[in-house]
Structure formats: structure tokens, C-alpha cells
């Protein structure tokens, strides 16, 4: 996926700069658009593209299709394909086209309200860091237990040697 950018104002410098959106942010922009535009229950590819442009987010149609496919795979949107018949004026030939209509599912609305893909990734990263920390602590404790076992073994050997000497001294 090609990186896209949206303009934003840097308050420190007062310069309008462009922020590059990550793939997760692009997914979130599309699902947020669908979630916030529920007045129309279904949207065409062109409607979504134009709506995102109004919100200063430009995503090429080819990439938008990939994003919509991902959202459909994750069961956050539903796609309905409808046939449309068109006739050409000069020879009255009938042409049938298929238009795709996209609508957000309840699961998609809930996912978006919980923070979307970026939030999910952040939670996964936190969990991964927690697991790494637990593993590091477990390794440290294992090393400490091995060291303790070695000290106990040495102490036991010294005590055994001492008692053997005491027994020999008594004979």
C-alpha cells in the first residue's frame, strides 16, 4: 500500500505540513467514515472516496478497494453487488453493469467505537511487551534459583565434610 498524507497545522511553527497515514490509520479512516455516515445505510466506492476527500483524506480507488476487502474479510462491512441496466442511445444496446454497495455491520460499528485497528494494535503491543517482561523476569528468577541451588549444594558438601571429620576424630 502506498503511503498517503493529509495536511495538518503544526502549532509550534505555524506551518501546514503533511502527515503520512499508516495502513492501520487508513483502515480506521474508512471504517470511521462508514460509521459516521449512517444516514445512508449503503455507500458506493465513489461515494466513500468523495466523502474521504471532503474529510481531507485521499485514498486512491485501487487502495480503497483493498481496504474495503480487508474490512469485509474482518466482517466489519458487508458488500452487496447490484446489477444496473444501461442502454446506449444510438443502437439501443443494453449494457449490464454491477455496482458494489458497502455498509458497516454492527460488529464494525462496535470495533470502530472501541478505537479501531490502531487501538487494537496498541493493545497487542502492550500485551506483547508485558509477555516479554514476564519472560525476562522468569529467566532472572530461574538463574537466581540455580545460583541458590549451587550455594545449598556447596553448603551441604561442607557440612557433610565437617561431620565426616567429626566422626573420624571420635574414632
Protein backbone atom coordinates (compact mmCIF):
# COMPACT_ATOMS: atom_id res chain seq x y z
CA UNK A 1 0.00 0.00 0.00
CA UNK A 2 1.21 3.45 -0.90
CA UNK A 3 1.55 5.93 1.94
CA UNK A 4 -0.89 8.82 1.78
CA UNK A 5 -0.66 12.11 3.56
CA UNK A 6 -3.12 14.57 4.97
CA UNK A 7 -2.34 18.20 5.78
CA UNK A 8 -2.19 19.38 9.37
CA UNK A 9 -1.13 22.61 11.07
CA UNK A 10 2.00 22.49 13.21
CA UNK A 11 1.06 24.77 16.11
CA UNK A 12 4.67 25.38 17.11
CA UNK A 13 5.85 26.58 13.70
CA UNK A 14 2.52 27.64 12.18
CA UNK A 15 3.37 25.71 9.01
CA UNK A 16 0.95 23.37 7.30
CA UNK A 17 2.68 20.02 6.97
CA UNK A 18 1.54 16.67 5.67
CA UNK A 19 1.11 13.71 7.98
CA UNK A 20 1.66 10.33 6.40
CA UNK A 21 -1.06 7.85 7.33
CA UNK A 22 -0.12 4.29 8.22
CA UNK A 23 -2.11 1.40 6.75
CA UNK A 24 -3.90 0.98 10.09
CA UNK A 25 -4.84 4.66 10.15
CA UNK A 26 -6.21 4.36 6.60
CA UNK A 27 -8.32 1.37 7.64
CA UNK A 28 -9.58 3.39 10.60
CA UNK A 29 -10.39 6.40 8.39
CA UNK A 30 -12.57 4.27 6.09
CA UNK A 31 -14.42 2.42 8.87
CA UNK A 32 -14.89 5.71 10.75
CA UNK A 33 -16.34 7.32 7.61
CA UNK A 34 -18.83 4.48 7.20
CA UNK A 35 -19.70 4.58 10.92
CA UNK A 36 -20.25 8.34 10.97
CA UNK A 37 -22.33 8.41 7.78
CA UNK A 38 -25.17 6.11 8.78
CA UNK A 39 -27.79 8.44 7.31
CA UNK A 40 -27.21 6.48 4.12
CA UNK A 41 -27.10 2.79 5.02
CA UNK A 42 -25.11 1.82 1.90
CA UNK A 43 -22.34 3.59 0.02
CA UNK A 44 -20.71 3.09 -3.36
CA UNK A 45 -16.97 3.16 -3.88
CA UNK A 46 -17.21 6.64 -5.40
CA UNK A 47 -19.31 7.97 -2.51
CA UNK A 48 -16.77 6.70 0.02
CA UNK A 49 -13.88 8.14 -2.00
CA UNK A 50 -15.55 11.55 -2.31
CA UNK A 51 -16.55 11.56 1.36
CA UNK A 52 -12.98 10.84 2.43
CA UNK A 53 -11.72 13.63 0.17
CA UNK A 54 -14.12 16.05 1.90
CA UNK A 55 -12.51 14.97 5.18
CA UNK A 56 -9.05 15.72 3.71
CA UNK A 57 -8.14 12.05 3.36
CA UNK A 58 -7.32 11.00 -0.16
CA UNK A 59 -7.07 7.30 -0.85
CA UNK A 60 -6.79 6.01 -4.41
CA UNK A 61 -9.70 3.85 -5.56
CA UNK A 62 -7.46 0.80 -6.06
CA UNK A 63 -6.21 1.08 -2.48
CA UNK A 64 -9.70 1.86 -1.21
CA UNK A 65 -10.89 -1.40 -2.75
CA UNK A 66 -8.13 -3.28 -0.90
CA UNK A 67 -9.15 -1.58 2.36
CA UNK A 68 -12.82 -2.41 1.80
CA UNK A 69 -11.89 -6.04 1.05
CA UNK A 70 -9.94 -6.20 4.32
CA UNK A 71 -12.90 -4.74 6.22
CA UNK A 72 -15.18 -7.30 4.59
CA UNK A 73 -12.81 -10.17 5.49
CA UNK A 74 -12.84 -8.97 9.09
CA UNK A 75 -16.66 -8.89 8.93
CA UNK A 76 -16.80 -5.15 9.71
CA UNK A 77 -18.64 -4.30 6.50
CA UNK A 78 -20.99 -6.10 4.13
CA UNK A 79 -20.85 -5.85 0.37
CA UNK A 80 -23.89 -6.11 -1.85
CA UNK A 81 -23.47 -6.29 -5.62
CA UNK A 82 -26.40 -4.92 -7.65
CA UNK A 83 -26.96 -5.11 -11.37
CA UNK A 84 -27.76 -1.95 -13.27
CA UNK A 85 -29.03 -1.91 -16.87
CA UNK A 86 -28.00 0.88 -19.19
CA UNK A 87 -28.99 1.43 -22.79
CA UNK A 88 -26.83 3.21 -25.29
CA UNK A 89 -28.65 5.86 -27.31
CA UNK A 90 -27.66 5.20 -30.95
CA UNK A 91 -28.16 1.48 -31.24
CA UNK A 92 -30.23 0.86 -28.12
CA UNK A 93 -27.85 -1.85 -26.91
CA UNK A 94 -28.44 -2.87 -23.31
CA UNK A 95 -25.37 -2.94 -21.05
CA UNK A 96 -25.46 -4.56 -17.63
CA UNK A 97 -23.03 -3.30 -15.01
CA UNK A 98 -22.53 -4.44 -11.46
CA UNK A 99 -22.23 -1.82 -8.75
CA UNK A 100 -20.93 -2.69 -5.27
CA UNK A 101 -22.59 -1.17 -2.22
CA UNK A 102 -20.84 -1.16 1.14
CA UNK A 103 -22.47 -0.96 4.57
CA UNK A 104 -20.97 -1.18 8.04
CA UNK A 105 -22.03 -4.07 10.29
CA UNK A 106 -22.87 -3.80 13.97
CA UNK A 107 -19.57 -5.56 14.68
CA UNK A 108 -17.82 -2.89 12.60
CA UNK A 109 -19.53 -0.07 14.48
CA UNK A 110 -18.55 -1.61 17.81
CA UNK A 111 -14.96 -2.17 16.65
CA UNK A 112 -14.74 1.46 15.48
CA UNK A 113 -16.11 2.78 18.77
CA UNK A 114 -13.50 0.72 20.65
CA UNK A 115 -10.72 2.54 18.80
CA UNK A 116 -10.36 0.60 15.58
CA UNK A 117 -7.26 -1.01 14.17
CA UNK A 118 -4.77 1.46 15.67
CA UNK A 119 -6.15 0.89 19.17
CA UNK A 120 -6.18 -2.90 18.63
CA UNK A 121 -2.51 -2.77 17.55
CA UNK A 122 -1.62 -0.65 20.59
CA UNK A 123 -3.31 -3.18 22.90
CA UNK A 124 -1.49 -6.05 21.18
CA UNK A 125 1.83 -4.22 21.55
CA UNK A 126 1.18 -3.63 25.26
CA UNK A 127 0.34 -7.31 25.74
CA UNK A 128 3.46 -8.36 23.82
CA UNK A 129 5.64 -6.09 25.97
CA UNK A 130 4.01 -7.50 29.11
CA UNK A 131 4.74 -11.06 27.98
CA UNK A 132 8.37 -10.17 27.16
CA UNK A 133 8.79 -8.61 30.60
CA UNK A 134 7.29 -11.70 32.26
CA UNK A 135 9.64 -13.96 30.31
CA UNK A 136 12.67 -11.83 31.26
CA UNK A 137 11.65 -11.89 34.92
CA UNK A 138 11.13 -15.65 34.75
CA UNK A 139 14.64 -16.12 33.30
CA UNK A 140 16.13 -13.94 36.05
CA UNK A 141 14.31 -15.96 38.72
CA UNK A 142 15.46 -19.23 37.13
CA UNK A 143 19.07 -18.01 37.21
CA UNK A 144 18.62 -16.98 40.86
CA UNK A 145 17.22 -20.43 41.72
CA UNK A 146 20.15 -22.17 40.03
CA UNK A 147 22.59 -19.97 41.99
CA UNK A 148 20.71 -20.74 45.22
CA UNK A 149 20.81 -24.48 44.48
CA UNK A 150 24.56 -24.29 43.90
CA UNK A 151 25.07 -22.49 47.24
CA UNK A 152 22.88 -25.07 49.03
CA UNK A 153 24.86 -27.90 47.39
CA UNK A 154 28.18 -26.34 48.43
CA UNK A 155 26.86 -25.76 51.96
CA UNK A 156 25.65 -29.36 52.17
CA UNK A 157 29.04 -30.62 50.93
CA UNK A 158 30.87 -28.52 53.53
CA UNK A 159 28.54 -29.72 56.30
CA UNK A 160 28.98 -33.35 55.17
CA UNK A 161 32.76 -32.95 55.13
CA UNK A 162 32.68 -31.38 58.62
CA UNK A 163 30.58 -34.22 60.06
CA UNK A 164 32.77 -36.84 58.40
CA UNK A 165 35.81 -35.22 60.05
CA UNK A 166 33.99 -35.19 63.40
CA UNK A 167 33.14 -38.89 63.06
CA UNK A 168 36.77 -39.75 62.12
CA UNK A 169 38.08 -37.64 65.03
CA UNK A 170 35.93 -39.59 67.51
CA UNK A 171 37.43 -42.96 66.43
